[in-house]
């Protein structure tokens, strides 16, 4: 098993164990946050959020956003350096949907929520690539001789 396979195996097993999963995309400075906790007043949450500086900061932001659910007991943070589309190819989106279904969501609700968040991230990724191609917000190492 190579390093990539081992990483994906750890991610997939971690998703099923953690209450909260945050998959962060450093190049986009955003994260997909999935909180499978719920009660009578509040169901699960799937949300694209700004990237934070630490897992403690992410926990505080979730607890502030959803105080009725109390303290986060377990969280999985996954740095995702690949394209957003690769989440689906590697089975990560399926595991997230399964996690929400096991927390009480219908398959249709869970699938739609995860797909909507992934689509939002993919749009951000496309915009980032366009800015990179145009050189917006990037410094070059050398200049062209004209």
N, C-alpha and C. Protein backbone atom coordinates (compact mmCIF):
# COMPACT_ATOMS: atom_id res chain seq x y z
N UNK A 1 0.85 -1.17 0.00
CA UNK A 1 0.00 0.00 0.00
C UNK A 1 0.90 1.23 0.00
N UNK A 2 0.70 2.13 -0.99
CA UNK A 2 1.53 3.33 -1.04
C UNK A 2 0.97 4.40 -0.10
N UNK A 3 1.68 5.52 0.00
CA UNK A 3 1.30 6.58 0.93
C UNK A 3 -0.09 7.15 0.63
N UNK A 4 -0.42 7.32 -0.65
CA UNK A 4 -1.72 7.87 -1.02
C UNK A 4 -2.85 6.91 -0.61
N UNK A 5 -2.67 5.63 -0.86
CA UNK A 5 -3.68 4.65 -0.47
C UNK A 5 -3.84 4.60 1.05
N UNK A 6 -2.74 4.69 1.76
CA UNK A 6 -2.78 4.67 3.22
C UNK A 6 -3.51 5.92 3.74
N UNK A 7 -3.21 7.08 3.15
CA UNK A 7 -3.88 8.33 3.53
C UNK A 7 -5.39 8.21 3.32
N UNK A 8 -5.79 7.74 2.13
CA UNK A 8 -7.22 7.61 1.83
C UNK A 8 -7.90 6.61 2.76
N UNK A 9 -7.23 5.53 3.08
CA UNK A 9 -7.78 4.55 4.01
C UNK A 9 -8.02 5.17 5.38
N UNK A 10 -7.07 5.96 5.84
CA UNK A 10 -7.21 6.63 7.14
C UNK A 10 -8.34 7.66 7.10
N UNK A 11 -8.44 8.39 6.00
CA UNK A 11 -9.52 9.38 5.86
C UNK A 11 -10.87 8.69 5.91
N UNK A 12 -11.03 7.65 5.11
CA UNK A 12 -12.32 6.96 5.04
C UNK A 12 -12.72 6.34 6.39
N UNK A 13 -11.77 5.75 7.10
CA UNK A 13 -12.11 5.17 8.40
C UNK A 13 -12.38 6.27 9.43
N UNK A 14 -11.65 7.37 9.33
CA UNK A 14 -11.85 8.48 10.26
C UNK A 14 -13.21 9.15 10.09
N UNK A 15 -13.70 9.21 8.86
CA UNK A 15 -15.00 9.82 8.60
C UNK A 15 -16.10 9.10 9.38
N UNK A 16 -16.04 7.79 9.40
CA UNK A 16 -17.09 7.03 10.08
C UNK A 16 -17.01 7.17 11.60
N UNK A 17 -15.87 7.55 12.14
CA UNK A 17 -15.70 7.61 13.59
C UNK A 17 -15.94 8.99 14.21
N UNK A 18 -15.67 10.06 13.47
CA UNK A 18 -15.74 11.41 14.03
C UNK A 18 -17.16 11.98 13.96
N UNK A 19 -17.50 12.79 14.95
CA UNK A 19 -18.78 13.51 14.94
C UNK A 19 -18.76 14.60 13.86
N UNK A 20 -17.64 15.28 13.79
CA UNK A 20 -17.47 16.40 12.87
C UNK A 20 -16.30 16.10 11.95
N UNK A 21 -16.51 16.34 10.66
CA UNK A 21 -15.44 16.15 9.67
C UNK A 21 -15.24 17.49 8.98
N UNK A 22 -13.99 17.92 8.91
CA UNK A 22 -13.67 19.13 8.17
C UNK A 22 -12.60 18.79 7.15
N UNK A 23 -12.95 18.97 5.89
CA UNK A 23 -12.01 18.73 4.80
C UNK A 23 -11.60 20.11 4.30
N UNK A 24 -10.34 20.45 4.54
CA UNK A 24 -9.94 21.80 4.16
C UNK A 24 -9.05 21.80 2.93
N UNK A 25 -9.26 22.85 2.16
CA UNK A 25 -8.60 23.04 0.88
C UNK A 25 -7.71 24.27 1.00
N UNK A 26 -6.43 24.07 1.36
CA UNK A 26 -5.54 25.20 1.62
C UNK A 26 -5.45 26.19 0.46
N UNK A 27 -5.49 25.70 -0.76
CA UNK A 27 -5.37 26.61 -1.90
C UNK A 27 -6.61 27.49 -2.07
N UNK A 28 -7.74 27.03 -1.57
CA UNK A 28 -8.98 27.80 -1.67
C UNK A 28 -9.28 28.59 -0.40
N UNK A 29 -8.55 28.25 0.68
CA UNK A 29 -8.78 28.86 1.99
C UNK A 29 -10.21 28.65 2.47
N UNK A 30 -10.74 27.47 2.15
CA UNK A 30 -12.10 27.09 2.52
C UNK A 30 -12.09 25.65 3.03
N UNK A 31 -13.16 25.29 3.72
CA UNK A 31 -13.31 23.92 4.21
C UNK A 31 -14.76 23.49 4.06
N UNK A 32 -14.93 22.20 3.77
CA UNK A 32 -16.25 21.59 3.83
C UNK A 32 -16.37 21.02 5.24
N UNK A 33 -17.36 21.48 5.98
CA UNK A 33 -17.54 21.06 7.36
C UNK A 33 -18.84 20.27 7.46
N UNK A 34 -18.73 19.06 7.96
CA UNK A 34 -19.88 18.17 8.12
C UNK A 34 -20.01 17.87 9.61
N UNK A 35 -21.11 18.30 10.19
CA UNK A 35 -21.40 18.02 11.60
C UNK A 35 -22.59 17.07 11.61
N UNK A 36 -22.33 15.82 11.96
CA UNK A 36 -23.38 14.80 11.94
C UNK A 36 -24.22 14.80 13.22
N UNK A 37 -23.87 15.63 14.17
CA UNK A 37 -24.65 15.69 15.41
C UNK A 37 -26.01 16.32 15.14
N UNK A 38 -26.96 15.96 15.93
CA UNK A 38 -28.28 16.55 15.78
C UNK A 38 -29.14 16.27 16.99
N UNK A 39 -30.23 17.01 17.10
CA UNK A 39 -31.23 16.78 18.13
C UNK A 39 -32.59 17.18 17.57
N UNK A 40 -33.59 17.32 18.43
CA UNK A 40 -34.94 17.64 17.96
C UNK A 40 -35.00 19.01 17.28
N UNK A 41 -34.19 19.95 17.74
CA UNK A 41 -34.23 21.31 17.21
C UNK A 41 -33.29 21.52 16.01
N UNK A 42 -32.29 20.71 15.89
CA UNK A 42 -31.25 20.96 14.89
C UNK A 42 -30.76 19.66 14.27
N UNK A 43 -30.83 19.61 12.95
CA UNK A 43 -30.36 18.42 12.24
C UNK A 43 -28.87 18.57 11.91
N UNK A 44 -28.36 17.65 11.13
CA UNK A 44 -26.96 17.68 10.70
C UNK A 44 -26.67 18.99 9.96
N UNK A 45 -25.37 19.25 9.75
CA UNK A 45 -24.96 20.45 9.02
C UNK A 45 -23.89 20.08 8.01
N UNK A 46 -24.04 20.58 6.80
CA UNK A 46 -23.00 20.51 5.77
C UNK A 46 -22.83 21.93 5.27
N UNK A 47 -21.62 22.46 5.42
CA UNK A 47 -21.42 23.87 5.13
C UNK A 47 -20.00 24.12 4.62
N UNK A 48 -19.86 25.02 3.66
CA UNK A 48 -18.54 25.50 3.24
C UNK A 48 -18.24 26.70 4.11
N UNK A 49 -17.09 26.65 4.79
CA UNK A 49 -16.71 27.70 5.72
C UNK A 49 -15.30 28.18 5.41
N UNK A 50 -14.97 29.39 5.86
CA UNK A 50 -13.59 29.85 5.69
C UNK A 50 -12.63 28.95 6.45
N UNK A 51 -11.43 28.82 5.92
CA UNK A 51 -10.41 28.03 6.59
C UNK A 51 -10.01 28.72 7.89
N UNK A 52 -9.66 27.94 8.90
CA UNK A 52 -9.22 28.48 10.19
C UNK A 52 -7.76 28.12 10.40
N UNK A 53 -7.18 28.65 11.46
CA UNK A 53 -5.76 28.43 11.73
C UNK A 53 -5.47 27.19 12.55
N UNK A 54 -6.50 26.62 13.19
CA UNK A 54 -6.28 25.44 14.03
C UNK A 54 -7.58 24.67 14.19
N UNK A 55 -7.46 23.43 14.63
CA UNK A 55 -8.65 22.62 14.88
C UNK A 55 -9.41 23.17 16.08
N UNK A 56 -8.72 23.75 17.05
CA UNK A 56 -9.38 24.37 18.19
C UNK A 56 -10.28 25.51 17.73
N UNK A 57 -9.77 26.29 16.78
CA UNK A 57 -10.57 27.40 16.24
C UNK A 57 -11.80 26.86 15.49
N UNK A 58 -11.64 25.77 14.76
CA UNK A 58 -12.77 25.17 14.06
C UNK A 58 -13.81 24.66 15.05
N UNK A 59 -13.35 24.00 16.11
CA UNK A 59 -14.27 23.51 17.13
C UNK A 59 -15.04 24.67 17.75
N UNK A 60 -14.34 25.74 18.11
CA UNK A 60 -15.01 26.91 18.69
C UNK A 60 -16.05 27.48 17.73
N UNK A 61 -15.71 27.55 16.43
CA UNK A 61 -16.65 28.12 15.46
C UNK A 61 -17.91 27.26 15.33
N UNK A 62 -17.74 25.95 15.37
CA UNK A 62 -18.90 25.04 15.27
C UNK A 62 -19.74 25.12 16.54
N UNK A 63 -19.10 25.13 17.70
CA UNK A 63 -19.85 25.22 18.95
C UNK A 63 -20.58 26.54 19.07
N UNK A 64 -20.01 27.61 18.52
CA UNK A 64 -20.67 28.92 18.53
C UNK A 64 -21.85 28.92 17.55
N UNK A 65 -21.67 28.30 16.40
CA UNK A 65 -22.71 28.23 15.39
C UNK A 65 -23.87 27.33 15.81
N UNK A 66 -23.55 26.27 16.59
CA UNK A 66 -24.55 25.28 17.00
C UNK A 66 -24.50 25.02 18.51
N UNK A 67 -24.74 26.04 19.32
CA UNK A 67 -24.59 25.89 20.77
C UNK A 67 -25.56 24.89 21.38
N UNK A 68 -26.69 24.68 20.73
CA UNK A 68 -27.69 23.76 21.26
C UNK A 68 -27.20 22.31 21.27
N UNK A 69 -26.11 22.02 20.57
CA UNK A 69 -25.60 20.64 20.49
C UNK A 69 -24.45 20.38 21.46
N UNK A 70 -24.03 21.39 22.20
CA UNK A 70 -22.98 21.20 23.19
C UNK A 70 -21.59 21.09 22.58
N UNK A 71 -20.72 20.50 23.35
CA UNK A 71 -19.31 20.39 22.96
C UNK A 71 -19.10 19.34 21.86
N UNK A 72 -18.17 19.64 20.96
CA UNK A 72 -17.74 18.67 19.94
C UNK A 72 -16.82 17.69 20.64
N UNK A 73 -17.15 16.41 20.58
CA UNK A 73 -16.33 15.39 21.26
C UNK A 73 -15.26 14.81 20.35
N UNK A 74 -15.53 14.77 19.04
CA UNK A 74 -14.52 14.21 18.13
C UNK A 74 -14.61 14.92 16.78
N UNK A 75 -13.45 15.24 16.24
CA UNK A 75 -13.37 15.95 14.97
C UNK A 75 -12.23 15.36 14.15
N UNK A 76 -12.47 15.27 12.86
CA UNK A 76 -11.44 14.82 11.92
C UNK A 76 -11.13 15.97 10.98
N UNK A 77 -9.88 16.35 10.90
CA UNK A 77 -9.43 17.39 9.97
C UNK A 77 -8.61 16.75 8.86
N UNK A 78 -9.04 16.98 7.63
CA UNK A 78 -8.37 16.39 6.48
C UNK A 78 -7.88 17.49 5.54
N UNK A 79 -6.56 17.62 5.38
CA UNK A 79 -6.07 18.56 4.37
C UNK A 79 -6.20 17.91 2.98
N UNK A 80 -6.87 18.58 2.08
CA UNK A 80 -7.10 18.01 0.75
C UNK A 80 -6.37 18.88 -0.28
N UNK A 81 -5.27 18.36 -0.78
CA UNK A 81 -4.43 19.11 -1.73
C UNK A 81 -4.81 18.84 -3.17
N UNK A 82 -5.71 17.91 -3.38
CA UNK A 82 -6.12 17.55 -4.74
C UNK A 82 -7.31 18.39 -5.16
N UNK A 83 -7.76 18.18 -6.38
CA UNK A 83 -8.94 18.85 -6.88
C UNK A 83 -10.17 18.43 -6.08
N UNK A 84 -11.12 19.32 -5.99
CA UNK A 84 -12.38 19.04 -5.32
C UNK A 84 -13.05 17.82 -5.96
N UNK A 85 -12.97 17.71 -7.28
CA UNK A 85 -13.59 16.60 -7.99
C UNK A 85 -13.05 15.24 -7.55
N UNK A 86 -11.84 15.22 -7.05
CA UNK A 86 -11.23 13.95 -6.63
C UNK A 86 -11.88 13.38 -5.36
N UNK A 87 -12.59 14.21 -4.62
CA UNK A 87 -13.31 13.70 -3.45
C UNK A 87 -14.26 12.58 -3.86
N UNK A 88 -14.97 12.80 -4.95
CA UNK A 88 -15.92 11.81 -5.44
C UNK A 88 -15.19 10.58 -5.98
N UNK A 89 -14.14 10.81 -6.75
CA UNK A 89 -13.38 9.70 -7.35
C UNK A 89 -12.79 8.77 -6.30
N UNK A 90 -12.42 9.31 -5.15
CA UNK A 90 -11.80 8.51 -4.10
C UNK A 90 -12.80 7.97 -3.08
N UNK A 91 -14.09 8.20 -3.30
CA UNK A 91 -15.10 7.66 -2.41
C UNK A 91 -15.37 8.46 -1.15
N UNK A 92 -14.77 9.64 -1.06
CA UNK A 92 -14.94 10.46 0.14
C UNK A 92 -16.37 10.99 0.22
N UNK A 93 -16.92 11.49 -0.87
CA UNK A 93 -18.29 12.02 -0.82
C UNK A 93 -19.28 10.92 -0.45
N UNK A 94 -19.08 9.72 -0.96
CA UNK A 94 -19.97 8.61 -0.62
C UNK A 94 -19.92 8.33 0.88
N UNK A 95 -18.73 8.35 1.46
CA UNK A 95 -18.59 8.11 2.90
C UNK A 95 -19.27 9.22 3.71
N UNK A 96 -19.17 10.46 3.24
CA UNK A 96 -19.83 11.57 3.93
C UNK A 96 -21.34 11.41 3.89
N UNK A 97 -21.86 11.02 2.74
CA UNK A 97 -23.30 10.78 2.60
C UNK A 97 -23.72 9.65 3.54
N UNK A 98 -22.97 8.56 3.54
CA UNK A 98 -23.27 7.42 4.42
C UNK A 98 -23.26 7.85 5.88
N UNK A 99 -22.32 8.71 6.25
CA UNK A 99 -22.23 9.19 7.63
C UNK A 99 -23.51 9.94 8.01
N UNK A 100 -23.98 10.80 7.11
CA UNK A 100 -25.19 11.57 7.40
C UNK A 100 -26.42 10.68 7.45
N UNK A 101 -26.46 9.69 6.57
CA UNK A 101 -27.59 8.75 6.58
C UNK A 101 -27.61 7.98 7.91
N UNK A 102 -26.45 7.57 8.38
CA UNK A 102 -26.40 6.85 9.66
C UNK A 102 -26.76 7.76 10.82
N UNK A 103 -26.67 9.09 10.61
CA UNK A 103 -27.05 10.05 11.66
C UNK A 103 -28.53 10.41 11.57
N UNK A 104 -29.25 9.84 10.59
CA UNK A 104 -30.69 10.07 10.53
C UNK A 104 -31.20 10.80 9.30
N UNK A 105 -30.32 11.28 8.44
CA UNK A 105 -30.76 11.96 7.22
C UNK A 105 -31.24 10.94 6.20
N UNK A 106 -32.11 11.36 5.31
CA UNK A 106 -32.47 10.47 4.21
C UNK A 106 -31.31 10.50 3.22
N UNK A 107 -31.22 9.47 2.38
CA UNK A 107 -30.15 9.43 1.39
C UNK A 107 -30.22 10.65 0.47
N UNK A 108 -31.42 10.99 0.03
CA UNK A 108 -31.59 12.13 -0.88
C UNK A 108 -31.14 13.44 -0.27
N UNK A 109 -31.50 13.67 1.01
CA UNK A 109 -31.09 14.90 1.70
C UNK A 109 -29.57 14.96 1.85
N UNK A 110 -29.00 13.86 2.30
CA UNK A 110 -27.56 13.81 2.54
C UNK A 110 -26.79 13.98 1.24
N UNK A 111 -27.22 13.29 0.20
CA UNK A 111 -26.54 13.37 -1.10
C UNK A 111 -26.61 14.80 -1.65
N UNK A 112 -27.79 15.41 -1.57
CA UNK A 112 -27.95 16.78 -2.07
C UNK A 112 -27.08 17.77 -1.29
N UNK A 113 -27.01 17.62 0.03
CA UNK A 113 -26.23 18.54 0.86
C UNK A 113 -24.74 18.43 0.55
N UNK A 114 -24.24 17.21 0.45
CA UNK A 114 -22.81 17.01 0.18
C UNK A 114 -22.48 17.48 -1.24
N UNK A 115 -23.34 17.16 -2.19
CA UNK A 115 -23.10 17.60 -3.57
C UNK A 115 -23.13 19.12 -3.70
N UNK A 116 -24.03 19.77 -3.00
CA UNK A 116 -24.11 21.24 -3.06
C UNK A 116 -22.83 21.88 -2.51
N UNK A 117 -22.33 21.35 -1.41
CA UNK A 117 -21.09 21.89 -0.84
C UNK A 117 -19.91 21.64 -1.78
N UNK A 118 -19.83 20.44 -2.34
CA UNK A 118 -18.75 20.12 -3.28
C UNK A 118 -18.82 21.01 -4.52
N UNK A 119 -20.03 21.26 -4.99
CA UNK A 119 -20.21 22.12 -6.17
C UNK A 119 -19.77 23.56 -5.86
N UNK A 120 -20.10 24.04 -4.68
CA UNK A 120 -19.67 25.38 -4.28
C UNK A 120 -18.14 25.46 -4.25
N UNK A 121 -17.50 24.44 -3.69
CA UNK A 121 -16.03 24.40 -3.65
C UNK A 121 -15.45 24.29 -5.05
N UNK A 122 -16.09 23.52 -5.91
CA UNK A 122 -15.58 23.36 -7.27
C UNK A 122 -15.65 24.68 -8.02
N UNK A 123 -16.70 25.46 -7.82
CA UNK A 123 -16.80 26.78 -8.46
C UNK A 123 -15.67 27.69 -7.97
N UNK A 124 -15.40 27.64 -6.66
CA UNK A 124 -14.30 28.43 -6.11
C UNK A 124 -12.96 27.99 -6.70
N UNK A 125 -12.81 26.68 -6.88
CA UNK A 125 -11.58 26.14 -7.45
C UNK A 125 -11.40 26.61 -8.90
N UNK A 126 -12.47 26.59 -9.67
CA UNK A 126 -12.38 27.07 -11.06
C UNK A 126 -12.00 28.54 -11.11
N UNK A 127 -12.59 29.35 -10.24
CA UNK A 127 -12.25 30.78 -10.20
C UNK A 127 -10.79 30.97 -9.81
N UNK A 128 -10.29 30.16 -8.89
CA UNK A 128 -8.89 30.25 -8.47
C UNK A 128 -7.96 29.91 -9.63
N UNK A 129 -8.31 28.90 -10.43
CA UNK A 129 -7.49 28.56 -11.58
C UNK A 129 -7.49 29.68 -12.61
N UNK A 130 -8.61 30.30 -12.82
CA UNK A 130 -8.68 31.42 -13.77
C UNK A 130 -7.79 32.57 -13.28
N UNK A 131 -7.87 32.88 -11.98
CA UNK A 131 -7.01 33.94 -11.44
C UNK A 131 -5.54 33.57 -11.58
N UNK A 132 -5.21 32.30 -11.37
CA UNK A 132 -3.83 31.86 -11.49
C UNK A 132 -3.34 32.01 -12.93
N UNK A 133 -4.16 31.61 -13.88
CA UNK A 133 -3.78 31.72 -15.29
C UNK A 133 -3.58 33.18 -15.68
N UNK A 134 -4.42 34.04 -15.17
CA UNK A 134 -4.31 35.47 -15.47
C UNK A 134 -3.20 36.16 -14.69
N UNK A 135 -2.69 35.46 -13.68
CA UNK A 135 -1.63 36.04 -12.86
C UNK A 135 -2.15 36.99 -11.80
N UNK A 136 -3.44 36.93 -11.52
CA UNK A 136 -4.04 37.81 -10.52
C UNK A 136 -3.74 37.29 -9.12
N UNK A 137 -3.05 38.09 -8.33
CA UNK A 137 -2.74 37.68 -6.97
C UNK A 137 -1.51 36.78 -6.86
N UNK A 138 -0.77 36.63 -7.95
CA UNK A 138 0.42 35.79 -7.95
C UNK A 138 1.62 36.63 -8.37
N UNK A 139 2.76 36.33 -7.80
CA UNK A 139 4.01 36.96 -8.20
C UNK A 139 4.83 35.97 -8.98
N UNK A 140 5.45 36.42 -10.05
CA UNK A 140 6.28 35.52 -10.85
C UNK A 140 7.70 35.51 -10.30
N UNK A 141 8.41 34.45 -10.61
CA UNK A 141 9.82 34.33 -10.20
C UNK A 141 10.73 35.04 -11.17
N UNK A 142 10.25 35.26 -12.38
CA UNK A 142 11.05 35.93 -13.39
C UNK A 142 10.11 36.73 -14.30
N UNK A 143 10.68 37.63 -15.04
CA UNK A 143 9.90 38.42 -15.99
C UNK A 143 10.36 38.09 -17.39
N UNK A 144 9.45 38.27 -18.33
CA UNK A 144 9.77 37.98 -19.73
C UNK A 144 10.57 39.14 -20.31
N UNK A 145 11.54 38.80 -21.17
CA UNK A 145 12.28 39.83 -21.89
C UNK A 145 11.43 40.27 -23.06
N UNK A 146 11.24 41.54 -23.20
CA UNK A 146 10.41 42.04 -24.30
C UNK A 146 11.19 42.92 -25.21
